[in-house]
Amino acid sequence: MRSLFPILFGGLIAVGLMLLAIWVWFDASELALRSDRPDVLRWAARALAIAAAAGAQIIVLTLVIGRIYRDKPAHEGLKLTAALICCIAAVTAAALGLAAQG
């Protein structure tokens, strides 16, 4: 039971992050209407959605798949790639969000 909790918890958090990413991606146009530069804010929201989706992948790879395949080089490479994508997308979203404010 103790080893099942991180798998279930990680799965629920990952599903929540993916739902958030999908919602932000499709509602980016409506969210951007409140800005002076809606095109830039739309891309900021979509970059944030990509960061959330990559974060969900990191959680799945760490808490769910990491329990099954421990210390595999491909697993570590996938986690590193997802973390890199998440960081780049988060920095891009922050930069575009600041640019949208003027």
PDB file of N, CA and C in Angstrom:
ATOM      1  N   MET A   1       0.821  -1.198   0.000  1.00  0.00           N
ATOM      2  CA  MET A   1       0.000   0.000   0.000  1.00  0.00           C
ATOM      3  C   MET A   1       0.861   1.257   0.000  1.00  0.00           C
ATOM      4  N   ARG A   2       1.994   1.178   0.679  1.00  0.00           N
ATOM      5  CA  ARG A   2       2.845   2.358   0.782  1.00  0.00           C
ATOM      6  C   ARG A   2       3.433   2.766  -0.567  1.00  0.00           C
ATOM      7  N   SER A   3       3.758   1.806  -1.412  1.00  0.00           N
ATOM      8  CA  SER A   3       4.324   2.142  -2.714  1.00  0.00           C
ATOM      9  C   SER A   3       3.259   2.516  -3.736  1.00  0.00           C
ATOM     10  N   LEU A   4       1.997   2.229  -3.431  1.00  0.00           N
ATOM     11  CA  LEU A   4       0.917   2.571  -4.343  1.00  0.00           C
ATOM     12  C   LEU A   4       0.510   4.038  -4.229  1.00  0.00           C
ATOM     13  N   PHE A   5       0.717   4.644  -3.062  1.00  0.00           N
ATOM     14  CA  PHE A   5       0.311   6.034  -2.850  1.00  0.00           C
ATOM     15  C   PHE A   5       1.028   7.019  -3.776  1.00  0.00           C
ATOM     16  N   PRO A   6       2.356   6.965  -3.936  1.00  0.00           N
ATOM     17  CA  PRO A   6       2.994   7.918  -4.863  1.00  0.00           C
ATOM     18  C   PRO A   6       2.541   7.751  -6.311  1.00  0.00           C
ATOM     19  N   ILE A   7       2.233   6.533  -6.707  1.00  0.00           N
ATOM     20  CA  ILE A   7       1.768   6.300  -8.069  1.00  0.00           C
ATOM     21  C   ILE A   7       0.403   6.946  -8.276  1.00  0.00           C
ATOM     22  N   LEU A   8      -0.514   6.735  -7.341  1.00  0.00           N
ATOM     23  CA  LEU A   8      -1.842   7.334  -7.456  1.00  0.00           C
ATOM     24  C   LEU A   8      -1.786   8.855  -7.330  1.00  0.00           C
ATOM     25  N   PHE A   9      -1.005   9.345  -6.384  1.00  0.00           N
ATOM     26  CA  PHE A   9      -0.871  10.783  -6.185  1.00  0.00           C
ATOM     27  C   PHE A   9      -0.253  11.444  -7.414  1.00  0.00           C
ATOM     28  N   GLY A  10       0.805  10.852  -7.938  1.00  0.00           N
ATOM     29  CA  GLY A  10       1.444  11.395  -9.136  1.00  0.00           C
ATOM     30  C   GLY A  10       0.530  11.360 -10.343  1.00  0.00           C
ATOM     31  N   GLY A  11      -0.228  10.298 -10.468  1.00  0.00           N
ATOM     32  CA  GLY A  11      -1.173  10.200 -11.578  1.00  0.00           C
ATOM     33  C   GLY A  11      -2.258  11.266 -11.503  1.00  0.00           C
ATOM     34  N   LEU A  12      -2.792  11.494 -10.314  1.00  0.00           N
ATOM     35  CA  LEU A  12      -3.827  12.520 -10.147  1.00  0.00           C
ATOM     36  C   LEU A  12      -3.287  13.926 -10.405  1.00  0.00           C
ATOM     37  N   ILE A  13      -2.108  14.218  -9.902  1.00  0.00           N
ATOM     38  CA  ILE A  13      -1.509  15.536 -10.132  1.00  0.00           C
ATOM     39  C   ILE A  13      -1.208  15.733 -11.613  1.00  0.00           C
ATOM     40  N   ALA A  14      -0.706  14.699 -12.272  1.00  0.00           N
ATOM     41  CA  ALA A  14      -0.397  14.802 -13.700  1.00  0.00           C
ATOM     42  C   ALA A  14      -1.657  15.014 -14.536  1.00  0.00           C
ATOM     43  N   VAL A  15      -2.732  14.309 -14.191  1.00  0.00           N
ATOM     44  CA  VAL A  15      -3.992  14.498 -14.914  1.00  0.00           C
ATOM     45  C   VAL A  15      -4.509  15.915 -14.701  1.00  0.00           C
ATOM     46  N   GLY A  16      -4.410  16.426 -13.476  1.00  0.00           N
ATOM     47  CA  GLY A  16      -4.829  17.799 -13.202  1.00  0.00           C
ATOM     48  C   GLY A  16      -4.023  18.822 -13.988  1.00  0.00           C
ATOM     49  N   LEU A  17      -2.707  18.615 -14.058  1.00  0.00           N
ATOM     50  CA  LEU A  17      -1.878  19.537 -14.835  1.00  0.00           C
ATOM     51  C   LEU A  17      -2.189  19.469 -16.325  1.00  0.00           C
ATOM     52  N   MET A  18      -2.468  18.278 -16.837  1.00  0.00           N
ATOM     53  CA  MET A  18      -2.816  18.155 -18.251  1.00  0.00           C
ATOM     54  C   MET A  18      -4.154  18.822 -18.552  1.00  0.00           C
ATOM     55  N   LEU A  19      -5.126  18.681 -17.645  1.00  0.00           N
ATOM     56  CA  LEU A  19      -6.411  19.359 -17.840  1.00  0.00           C
ATOM     57  C   LEU A  19      -6.233  20.874 -17.806  1.00  0.00           C
ATOM     58  N   LEU A  20      -5.387  21.360 -16.906  1.00  0.00           N
ATOM     59  CA  LEU A  20      -5.088  22.787 -16.855  1.00  0.00           C
ATOM     60  C   LEU A  20      -4.420  23.245 -18.147  1.00  0.00           C
ATOM     61  N   ALA A  21      -3.475  22.456 -18.647  1.00  0.00           N
ATOM     62  CA  ALA A  21      -2.776  22.820 -19.888  1.00  0.00           C
ATOM     63  C   ALA A  21      -3.744  22.869 -21.073  1.00  0.00           C
ATOM     64  N   ILE A  22      -4.637  21.898 -21.161  1.00  0.00           N
ATOM     65  CA  ILE A  22      -5.606  21.880 -22.262  1.00  0.00           C
ATOM     66  C   ILE A  22      -6.557  23.067 -22.156  1.00  0.00           C
ATOM     67  N   TRP A  23      -7.022  23.371 -20.947  1.00  0.00           N
ATOM     68  CA  TRP A  23      -7.926  24.501 -20.750  1.00  0.00           C
ATOM     69  C   TRP A  23      -7.252  25.819 -21.123  1.00  0.00           C
ATOM     70  N   VAL A  24      -6.009  26.016 -20.679  1.00  0.00           N
ATOM     71  CA  VAL A  24      -5.300  27.259 -20.998  1.00  0.00           C
ATOM     72  C   VAL A  24      -5.031  27.357 -22.492  1.00  0.00           C
ATOM     73  N   TRP A  25      -4.668  26.256 -23.126  1.00  0.00           N
ATOM     74  CA  TRP A  25      -4.366  26.278 -24.564  1.00  0.00           C
ATOM     75  C   TRP A  25      -5.589  26.714 -25.378  1.00  0.00           C
ATOM     76  N   PHE A  26      -6.742  26.136 -25.080  1.00  0.00           N
ATOM     77  CA  PHE A  26      -7.928  26.437 -25.873  1.00  0.00           C
ATOM     78  C   PHE A  26      -8.599  27.753 -25.484  1.00  0.00           C
ATOM     79  N   ASP A  27      -8.412  28.214 -24.259  1.00  0.00           N
ATOM     80  CA  ASP A  27      -9.002  29.486 -23.838  1.00  0.00           C
ATOM     81  C   ASP A  27      -8.005  30.639 -23.871  1.00  0.00           C
ATOM     82  N   ALA A  28      -6.878  30.454 -24.530  1.00  0.00           N
ATOM     83  CA  ALA A  28      -5.860  31.506 -24.578  1.00  0.00           C
ATOM     84  C   ALA A  28      -6.377  32.755 -25.283  1.00  0.00           C
ATOM     85  N   SER A  29      -7.190  32.586 -26.298  1.00  0.00           N
ATOM     86  CA  SER A  29      -7.718  33.748 -27.021  1.00  0.00           C
ATOM     87  C   SER A  29      -8.644  34.583 -26.137  1.00  0.00           C
ATOM     88  N   GLU A  30      -9.488  33.908 -25.351  1.00  0.00           N
ATOM     89  CA  GLU A  30     -10.386  34.650 -24.459  1.00  0.00           C
ATOM     90  C   GLU A  30      -9.619  35.320 -23.331  1.00  0.00           C
ATOM     91  N   LEU A  31      -8.582  34.641 -22.837  1.00  0.00           N
ATOM     92  CA  LEU A  31      -7.777  35.232 -21.770  1.00  0.00           C
ATOM     93  C   LEU A  31      -6.995  36.440 -22.269  1.00  0.00           C
ATOM     94  N   ALA A  32      -6.621  36.430 -23.539  1.00  0.00           N
ATOM     95  CA  ALA A  32      -5.789  37.495 -24.084  1.00  0.00           C
ATOM     96  C   ALA A  32      -6.576  38.746 -24.447  1.00  0.00           C
ATOM     97  N   LEU A  33      -7.880  38.678 -24.460  1.00  0.00           N
ATOM     98  CA  LEU A  33      -8.673  39.841 -24.851  1.00  0.00           C
ATOM     99  C   LEU A  33      -8.568  40.999 -23.861  1.00  0.00           C
ATOM    100  N   ARG A  34      -8.129  40.716 -22.651  1.00  0.00           N
ATOM    101  CA  ARG A  34      -8.024  41.752 -21.619  1.00  0.00           C
ATOM    102  C   ARG A  34      -6.735  42.548 -21.699  1.00  0.00           C
ATOM    103  N   SER A  35      -5.921  42.287 -22.688  1.00  0.00           N
ATOM    104  CA  SER A  35      -4.609  42.913 -22.785  1.00  0.00           C
ATOM    105  C   SER A  35      -4.556  43.939 -23.914  1.00  0.00           C
ATOM    106  N   ASP A  36      -3.545  44.806 -23.835  1.00  0.00           N
ATOM    107  CA  ASP A  36      -3.310  45.751 -24.925  1.00  0.00           C
ATOM    108  C   ASP A  36      -2.734  45.053 -26.148  1.00  0.00           C
ATOM    109  N   ARG A  37      -1.983  43.990 -25.912  1.00  0.00           N
ATOM    110  CA  ARG A  37      -1.383  43.210 -26.998  1.00  0.00           C
ATOM    111  C   ARG A  37      -1.840  41.762 -26.888  1.00  0.00           C
ATOM    112  N   PRO A  38      -3.040  41.462 -27.381  1.00  0.00           N
ATOM    113  CA  PRO A  38      -3.596  40.121 -27.177  1.00  0.00           C
ATOM    114  C   PRO A  38      -2.840  39.015 -27.900  1.00  0.00           C
ATOM    115  N   ASP A  39      -2.189  39.342 -29.012  1.00  0.00           N
ATOM    116  CA  ASP A  39      -1.453  38.303 -29.728  1.00  0.00           C
ATOM    117  C   ASP A  39      -0.274  37.798 -28.910  1.00  0.00           C
ATOM    118  N   VAL A  40       0.436  38.702 -28.250  1.00  0.00           N
ATOM    119  CA  VAL A  40       1.587  38.312 -27.435  1.00  0.00           C
ATOM    120  C   VAL A  40       1.126  37.562 -26.187  1.00  0.00           C
ATOM    121  N   LEU A  41       0.051  38.025 -25.571  1.00  0.00           N
ATOM    122  CA  LEU A  41      -0.464  37.348 -24.380  1.00  0.00           C
ATOM    123  C   LEU A  41      -1.020  35.975 -24.718  1.00  0.00           C
ATOM    124  N   ARG A  42      -1.565  35.806 -25.912  1.00  0.00           N
ATOM    125  CA  ARG A  42      -2.041  34.489 -26.346  1.00  0.00           C
ATOM    126  C   ARG A  42      -0.878  33.503 -26.426  1.00  0.00           C
ATOM    127  N   TRP A  43       0.246  33.950 -26.974  1.00  0.00           N
ATOM    128  CA  TRP A  43       1.412  33.075 -27.048  1.00  0.00           C
ATOM    129  C   TRP A  43       2.008  32.814 -25.671  1.00  0.00           C
ATOM    130  N   ALA A  44       1.900  33.790 -24.770  1.00  0.00           N
ATOM    131  CA  ALA A  44       2.366  33.576 -23.395  1.00  0.00           C
ATOM    132  C   ALA A  44       1.533  32.492 -22.712  1.00  0.00           C
ATOM    133  N   ALA A  45       0.224  32.547 -22.903  1.00  0.00           N
ATOM    134  CA  ALA A  45      -0.650  31.539 -22.306  1.00  0.00           C
ATOM    135  C   ALA A  45      -0.369  30.166 -22.893  1.00  0.00           C
ATOM    136  N   ARG A  46      -0.117  30.094 -24.170  1.00  0.00           N
ATOM    137  CA  ARG A  46       0.168  28.804 -24.790  1.00  0.00           C
ATOM    138  C   ARG A  46       1.521  28.255 -24.361  1.00  0.00           C
ATOM    139  N   ALA A  47       2.486  29.139 -24.149  1.00  0.00           N
ATOM    140  CA  ALA A  47       3.776  28.684 -23.626  1.00  0.00           C
ATOM    141  C   ALA A  47       3.612  28.167 -22.201  1.00  0.00           C
ATOM    142  N   LEU A  48       2.750  28.815 -21.426  1.00  0.00           N
ATOM    143  CA  LEU A  48       2.463  28.334 -20.077  1.00  0.00           C
ATOM    144  C   LEU A  48       1.768  26.973 -20.120  1.00  0.00           C
ATOM    145  N   ALA A  49       0.903  26.764 -21.095  1.00  0.00           N
ATOM    146  CA  ALA A  49       0.250  25.461 -21.249  1.00  0.00           C
ATOM    147  C   ALA A  49       1.271  24.378 -21.586  1.00  0.00           C
ATOM    148  N   ILE A  50       2.248  24.705 -22.403  1.00  0.00           N
ATOM    149  CA  ILE A  50       3.301  23.746 -22.732  1.00  0.00           C
ATOM    150  C   ILE A  50       4.132  23.428 -21.491  1.00  0.00           C
ATOM    151  N   ALA A  51       4.417  24.444 -20.681  1.00  0.00           N
ATOM    152  CA  ALA A  51       5.162  24.215 -19.443  1.00  0.00           C
ATOM    153  C   ALA A  51       4.379  23.314 -18.492  1.00  0.00           C
ATOM    154  N   ALA A  52       3.072  23.522 -18.393  1.00  0.00           N
ATOM    155  CA  ALA A  52       2.250  22.674 -17.524  1.00  0.00           C
ATOM    156  C   ALA A  52       2.206  21.234 -18.028  1.00  0.00           C
ATOM    157  N   ALA A  53       2.108  21.057 -19.338  1.00  0.00           N
ATOM    158  CA  ALA A  53       2.093  19.710 -19.908  1.00  0.00           C
ATOM    159  C   ALA A  53       3.435  19.010 -19.695  1.00  0.00           C
ATOM    160  N   ALA A  54       4.529  19.743 -19.851  1.00  0.00           N
ATOM    161  CA  ALA A  54       5.845  19.157 -19.604  1.00  0.00           C
ATOM    162  C   ALA A  54       6.020  18.842 -18.117  1.00  0.00           C
ATOM    163  N   GLY A  55       5.468  19.682 -17.251  1.00  0.00           N
ATOM    164  CA  GLY A  55       5.507  19.392 -15.818  1.00  0.00           C
ATOM    165  C   GLY A  55       4.743  18.128 -15.479  1.00  0.00           C
ATOM    166  N   ALA A  56       3.623  17.925 -16.146  1.00  0.00           N
ATOM    167  CA  ALA A  56       2.865  16.691 -15.944  1.00  0.00           C
ATOM    168  C   ALA A  56       3.677  15.475 -16.388  1.00  0.00           C
ATOM    169  N   GLN A  57       4.402  15.623 -17.465  1.00  0.00           N
ATOM    170  CA  GLN A  57       5.241  14.515 -17.926  1.00  0.00           C
ATOM    171  C   GLN A  57       6.359  14.212 -16.938  1.00  0.00           C
ATOM    172  N   ILE A  58       6.926  15.253 -16.339  1.00  0.00           N
ATOM    173  CA  ILE A  58       7.975  15.042 -15.336  1.00  0.00           C
ATOM    174  C   ILE A  58       7.408  14.265 -14.148  1.00  0.00           C
ATOM    175  N   ILE A  59       6.213  14.644 -13.710  1.00  0.00           N
ATOM    176  CA  ILE A  59       5.600  13.954 -12.577  1.00  0.00           C
ATOM    177  C   ILE A  59       5.308  12.497 -12.918  1.00  0.00           C
ATOM    178  N   VAL A  60       4.792  12.260 -14.100  1.00  0.00           N
ATOM    179  CA  VAL A  60       4.514  10.876 -14.508  1.00  0.00           C
ATOM    180  C   VAL A  60       5.813  10.079 -14.585  1.00  0.00           C
ATOM    181  N   LEU A  61       6.843  10.661 -15.162  1.00  0.00           N
ATOM    182  CA  LEU A  61       8.107   9.945 -15.290  1.00  0.00           C
ATOM    183  C   LEU A  61       8.768   9.699 -13.940  1.00  0.00           C
ATOM    184  N   THR A  62       8.587  10.611 -13.003  1.00  0.00           N
ATOM    185  CA  THR A  62       9.237  10.468 -11.711  1.00  0.00           C
ATOM    186  C   THR A  62       8.460   9.564 -10.762  1.00  0.00           C
ATOM    187  N   LEU A  63       7.174   9.856 -10.583  1.00  0.00           N
ATOM    188  CA  LEU A  63       6.405   9.154  -9.558  1.00  0.00           C
ATOM    189  C   LEU A  63       5.733   7.875 -10.047  1.00  0.00           C
ATOM    190  N   VAL A  64       5.405   7.799 -11.317  1.00  0.00           N
ATOM    191  CA  VAL A  64       4.689   6.623 -11.803  1.00  0.00           C
ATOM    192  C   VAL A  64       5.653   5.662 -12.498  1.00  0.00           C
ATOM    193  N   ILE A  65       6.270   6.108 -13.559  1.00  0.00           N
ATOM    194  CA  ILE A  65       7.164   5.231 -14.317  1.00  0.00           C
ATOM    195  C   ILE A  65       8.470   4.989 -13.562  1.00  0.00           C
ATOM    196  N   GLY A  66       8.880   5.966 -12.752  1.00  0.00           N
ATOM    197  CA  GLY A  66      10.101   5.806 -11.968  1.00  0.00           C
ATOM    198  C   GLY A  66      10.021   4.688 -10.954  1.00  0.00           C
ATOM    199  N   ARG A  67       8.821   4.338 -10.514  1.00  0.00           N
ATOM    200  CA  ARG A  67       8.650   3.220  -9.584  1.00  0.00           C
ATOM    201  C   ARG A  67       8.841   1.870 -10.281  1.00  0.00           C
ATOM    202  N   ILE A  68       8.588   1.844 -11.575  1.00  0.00           N
ATOM    203  CA  ILE A  68       8.693   0.582 -12.312  1.00  0.00           C
ATOM    204  C   ILE A  68      10.098   0.404 -12.883  1.00  0.00           C
ATOM    205  N   TYR A  69      10.610   1.425 -13.570  1.00  0.00           N
ATOM    206  CA  TYR A  69      11.921   1.357 -14.210  1.00  0.00           C
ATOM    207  C   TYR A  69      12.877   2.254 -13.447  1.00  0.00           C
ATOM    208  N   ARG A  70      13.651   1.678 -12.583  1.00  0.00           N
ATOM    209  CA  ARG A  70      14.573   2.470 -11.778  1.00  0.00           C
ATOM    210  C   ARG A  70      15.957   2.469 -12.403  1.00  0.00           C
ATOM    211  N   ASP A  71      16.561   3.644 -12.401  1.00  0.00           N
ATOM    212  CA  ASP A  71      17.948   3.832 -12.845  1.00  0.00           C
ATOM    213  C   ASP A  71      18.212   3.330 -14.262  1.00  0.00           C
ATOM    214  N   LYS A  72      17.319   3.654 -15.148  1.00  0.00           N
ATOM    215  CA  LYS A  72      17.521   3.346 -16.569  1.00  0.00           C
ATOM    216  C   LYS A  72      17.999   4.622 -17.263  1.00  0.00           C
ATOM    217  N   PRO A  73      18.985   4.531 -18.144  1.00  0.00           N
ATOM    218  CA  PRO A  73      19.489   5.734 -18.816  1.00  0.00           C
ATOM    219  C   PRO A  73      18.434   6.428 -19.677  1.00  0.00           C
ATOM    220  N   ALA A  74      17.583   5.676 -20.340  1.00  0.00           N
ATOM    221  CA  ALA A  74      16.541   6.290 -21.175  1.00  0.00           C
ATOM    222  C   ALA A  74      15.535   7.033 -20.312  1.00  0.00           C
ATOM    223  N   HIS A  75      15.220   6.485 -19.158  1.00  0.00           N
ATOM    224  CA  HIS A  75      14.284   7.133 -18.238  1.00  0.00           C
ATOM    225  C   HIS A  75      14.857   8.456 -17.744  1.00  0.00           C
ATOM    226  N   GLU A  76      16.125   8.465 -17.386  1.00  0.00           N
ATOM    227  CA  GLU A  76      16.767   9.698 -16.926  1.00  0.00           C
ATOM    228  C   GLU A  76      16.853  10.727 -18.058  1.00  0.00           C
ATOM    229  N   GLY A  77      17.088  10.265 -19.274  1.00  0.00           N
ATOM    230  CA  GLY A  77      17.133  11.170 -20.420  1.00  0.00           C
ATOM    231  C   GLY A  77      15.788  11.802 -20.711  1.00  0.00           C
ATOM    232  N   LEU A  78      14.716  11.009 -20.586  1.00  0.00           N
ATOM    233  CA  LEU A  78      13.371  11.548 -20.791  1.00  0.00           C
ATOM    234  C   LEU A  78      13.018  12.581 -19.726  1.00  0.00           C
ATOM    235  N   LYS A  79      13.384  12.311 -18.470  1.00  0.00           N
ATOM    236  CA  LYS A  79      13.117  13.280 -17.404  1.00  0.00           C
ATOM    237  C   LYS A  79      13.891  14.570 -17.630  1.00  0.00           C
ATOM    238  N   LEU A  80      15.135  14.461 -18.046  1.00  0.00           N
ATOM    239  CA  LEU A  80      15.943  15.648 -18.308  1.00  0.00           C
ATOM    240  C   LEU A  80      15.388  16.453 -19.478  1.00  0.00           C
ATOM    241  N   THR A  81      14.947  15.777 -20.526  1.00  0.00           N
ATOM    242  CA  THR A  81      14.366  16.463 -21.676  1.00  0.00           C
ATOM    243  C   THR A  81      13.067  17.168 -21.306  1.00  0.00           C
ATOM    244  N   ALA A  82      12.213  16.497 -20.545  1.00  0.00           N
ATOM    245  CA  ALA A  82      10.957  17.119 -20.119  1.00  0.00           C
ATOM    246  C   ALA A  82      11.221  18.313 -19.201  1.00  0.00           C
ATOM    247  N   ALA A  83      12.210  18.206 -18.325  1.00  0.00           N
ATOM    248  CA  ALA A  83      12.544  19.322 -17.438  1.00  0.00           C
ATOM    249  C   ALA A  83      13.086  20.508 -18.234  1.00  0.00           C
ATOM    250  N   LEU A  84      13.883  20.229 -19.244  1.00  0.00           N
ATOM    251  CA  LEU A  84      14.416  21.301 -20.088  1.00  0.00           C
ATOM    252  C   LEU A  84      13.295  22.000 -20.850  1.00  0.00           C
ATOM    253  N   ILE A  85      12.380  21.245 -21.407  1.00  0.00           N
ATOM    254  CA  ILE A  85      11.235  21.828 -22.125  1.00  0.00           C
ATOM    255  C   ILE A  85      10.371  22.647 -21.176  1.00  0.00           C
ATOM    256  N   CYS A  86      10.151  22.137 -19.970  1.00  0.00           N
ATOM    257  CA  CYS A  86       9.344  22.850 -18.987  1.00  0.00           C
ATOM    258  C   CYS A  86       9.990  24.185 -18.617  1.00  0.00           C
ATOM    259  N   CYS A  87      11.290  24.186 -18.393  1.00  0.00           N
ATOM    260  CA  CYS A  87      11.992  25.425 -18.026  1.00  0.00           C
ATOM    261  C   CYS A  87      11.984  26.433 -19.165  1.00  0.00           C
ATOM    262  N   ILE A  88      12.255  25.979 -20.367  1.00  0.00           N
ATOM    263  CA  ILE A  88      12.261  26.893 -21.513  1.00  0.00           C
ATOM    264  C   ILE A  88      10.877  27.478 -21.748  1.00  0.00           C
ATOM    265  N   ALA A  89       9.843  26.650 -21.649  1.00  0.00           N
ATOM    266  CA  ALA A  89       8.478  27.149 -21.854  1.00  0.00           C
ATOM    267  C   ALA A  89       8.056  28.111 -20.753  1.00  0.00           C
ATOM    268  N   ALA A  90       8.465  27.854 -19.516  1.00  0.00           N
ATOM    269  CA  ALA A  90       8.113  28.754 -18.416  1.00  0.00           C
ATOM    270  C   ALA A  90       8.805  30.103 -18.558  1.00  0.00           C
ATOM    271  N   VAL A  91      10.063  30.102 -18.940  1.00  0.00           N
ATOM    272  CA  VAL A  91      10.783  31.359 -19.148  1.00  0.00           C
ATOM    273  C   VAL A  91      10.191  32.124 -20.331  1.00  0.00           C
ATOM    274  N   THR A  92       9.837  31.408 -21.387  1.00  0.00           N
ATOM    275  CA  THR A  92       9.210  32.044 -22.544  1.00  0.00           C
ATOM    276  C   THR A  92       7.863  32.653 -22.172  1.00  0.00           C
ATOM    277  N   ALA A  93       7.066  31.928 -21.379  1.00  0.00           N
ATOM    278  CA  ALA A  93       5.768  32.456 -20.956  1.00  0.00           C
ATOM    279  C   ALA A  93       5.939  33.709 -20.109  1.00  0.00           C
ATOM    280  N   ALA A  94       6.922  33.712 -19.222  1.00  0.00           N
ATOM    281  CA  ALA A  94       7.159  34.893 -18.391  1.00  0.00           C
ATOM    282  C   ALA A  94       7.613  36.080 -19.237  1.00  0.00           C
ATOM    283  N   ALA A  95       8.505  35.829 -20.176  1.00  0.00           N
ATOM    284  CA  ALA A  95       8.992  36.924 -21.035  1.00  0.00           C
ATOM    285  C   ALA A  95       7.875  37.488 -21.905  1.00  0.00           C
ATOM    286  N   LEU A  96       7.069  36.610 -22.489  1.00  0.00           N
ATOM    287  CA  LEU A  96       5.964  37.079 -23.313  1.00  0.00           C
ATOM    288  C   LEU A  96       4.884  37.773 -22.478  1.00  0.00           C
ATOM    289  N   GLY A  97       4.676  37.295 -21.269  1.00  0.00           N
ATOM    290  CA  GLY A  97       3.717  37.958 -20.384  1.00  0.00           C
ATOM    291  C   GLY A  97       4.156  39.362 -20.024  1.00  0.00           C
ATOM    292  N   LEU A  98       5.440  39.528 -19.772  1.00  0.00           N
ATOM    293  CA  LEU A  98       5.959  40.867 -19.491  1.00  0.00           C
ATOM    294  C   LEU A  98       5.903  41.750 -20.735  1.00  0.00           C
ATOM    295  N   ALA A  99       6.166  41.171 -21.897  1.00  0.00           N
ATOM    296  CA  ALA A  99       6.104  41.952 -23.135  1.00  0.00           C
ATOM    297  C   ALA A  99       4.681  42.379 -23.465  1.00  0.00           C
ATOM    298  N   ALA A 100       3.722  41.563 -23.069  1.00  0.00           N
ATOM    299  CA  ALA A 100       2.316  41.894 -23.366  1.00  0.00           C
ATOM    300  C   ALA A 100       1.821  43.058 -22.508  1.00  0.00           C
ATOM    301  N   GLN A 101       2.453  43.278 -21.379  1.00  0.00           N
ATOM    302  CA  GLN A 101       2.035  44.377 -20.511  1.00  0.00           C
ATOM    303  C   GLN A 101       2.518  45.714 -21.021  1.00  0.00           C
ATOM    304  N   GLY A 102       3.530  45.684 -21.846  1.00  0.00           N
ATOM    305  CA  GLY A 102       3.979  46.937 -22.472  1.00  0.00           C
ATOM    306  C   GLY A 102       5.152  47.444 -21.822  1.00  0.00           C
TER     307      GLY A 102
END
